[in-house]
Amino acid sequence: MKFSNKDLCSLLFSELSPGKSTCNSCKKEGRGYTNQMHHLLKKHPDYLQLAEAAFRKGNWLGISVPDQRTNEIFR
């Protein structure tokens, strides 16, 4: 699967504030796509596999959603 740098950063980093984010794997903070890509290349050589797993999981926002049973109990 082919991801752009922007897609990779969206999948593998969480935004803390405009222009500042943290790595979802090691929690290192940084700024800008170039620095984030450099971090991935240097610290996470398997970043493409991590991105594919995050994409398959489908939870780009990191939101915890209750399962169906929990929804029915607390309805």
Protein backbone atom coordinates (compact mmCIF):
# COMPACT_ATOMS: atom_id res chain seq x y z
CA MET A 1 0.00 0.00 0.00
CA LYS A 2 1.34 3.44 -0.92
CA PHE A 3 0.99 6.29 1.60
CA SER A 4 1.96 9.93 1.18
CA ASN A 5 4.08 11.55 3.90
CA LYS A 6 0.97 13.38 5.10
CA ASP A 7 -0.94 10.08 5.36
CA LEU A 8 1.92 8.43 7.25
CA CYS A 9 2.07 11.31 9.72
CA SER A 10 -1.70 11.24 10.20
CA LEU A 11 -1.62 7.51 10.91
CA LEU A 12 1.47 7.33 13.11
CA PHE A 13 1.36 10.64 15.01
CA SER A 14 -1.25 12.31 17.21
CA GLU A 15 -1.62 16.08 17.02
CA LEU A 16 -1.02 17.83 20.35
CA SER A 17 -1.54 21.37 19.04
CA PRO A 18 -1.33 23.02 15.61
CA GLY A 19 2.07 22.13 14.19
CA LYS A 20 3.06 19.89 17.13
CA SER A 21 2.50 16.15 17.42
CA THR A 22 3.64 13.01 19.21
CA CYS A 23 4.67 9.62 17.84
CA ASN A 24 2.05 6.97 18.65
CA SER A 25 4.76 4.30 19.06
CA CYS A 26 7.33 5.95 21.32
CA LYS A 27 5.54 9.18 22.39
CA LYS A 28 8.36 11.46 21.16
CA GLU A 29 7.12 14.97 20.39
CA GLY A 30 8.01 16.87 17.23
CA ARG A 31 6.96 19.44 14.64
CA GLY A 32 6.38 19.29 10.88
CA TYR A 33 6.20 16.46 8.34
CA THR A 34 9.92 16.52 7.55
CA ASN A 35 10.93 16.00 11.18
CA GLN A 36 8.28 13.32 11.61
CA MET A 37 9.45 11.45 8.52
CA HIS A 38 13.06 11.69 9.67
CA HIS A 39 11.98 10.28 13.06
CA LEU A 40 10.20 7.36 11.38
CA LEU A 41 13.15 6.55 9.14
CA LYS A 42 15.64 6.70 12.01
CA LYS A 43 13.71 5.21 14.95
CA HIS A 44 11.02 3.03 13.34
CA PRO A 45 12.42 1.28 10.24
CA ASP A 46 9.22 -0.81 10.11
CA TYR A 47 7.05 2.33 9.83
CA LEU A 48 5.34 1.10 6.65
CA GLN A 49 4.07 -2.00 8.46
CA LEU A 50 2.98 0.18 11.40
CA ALA A 51 1.09 2.48 9.01
CA GLU A 52 -0.63 -0.44 7.29
CA ALA A 53 -1.71 -1.85 10.66
CA ALA A 54 -3.03 1.55 11.76
CA PHE A 55 -4.86 1.95 8.44
CA ARG A 56 -6.45 -1.51 8.72
CA LYS A 57 -7.49 -0.78 12.28
CA GLY A 58 -9.36 2.21 10.85
CA ASN A 59 -9.17 4.33 13.97
CA TRP A 60 -7.27 7.41 12.74
CA LEU A 61 -8.57 9.60 15.55
CA GLY A 62 -7.71 7.21 18.39
CA ILE A 63 -11.27 7.26 19.72
CA SER A 64 -12.41 4.39 21.95
CA VAL A 65 -15.84 3.23 20.85
CA PRO A 66 -17.87 0.90 23.09
CA ASP A 67 -18.82 -2.47 21.66
CA GLN A 68 -22.41 -3.40 20.75
CA ARG A 69 -23.11 -5.21 24.05
CA THR A 70 -21.99 -2.20 26.10
CA ASN A 71 -24.20 0.07 23.98
CA GLU A 72 -27.20 -2.18 24.63
CA ILE A 73 -26.57 -2.32 28.40
CA PHE A 74 -26.34 1.44 28.81
CA ARG A 75 -29.08 2.37 26.36
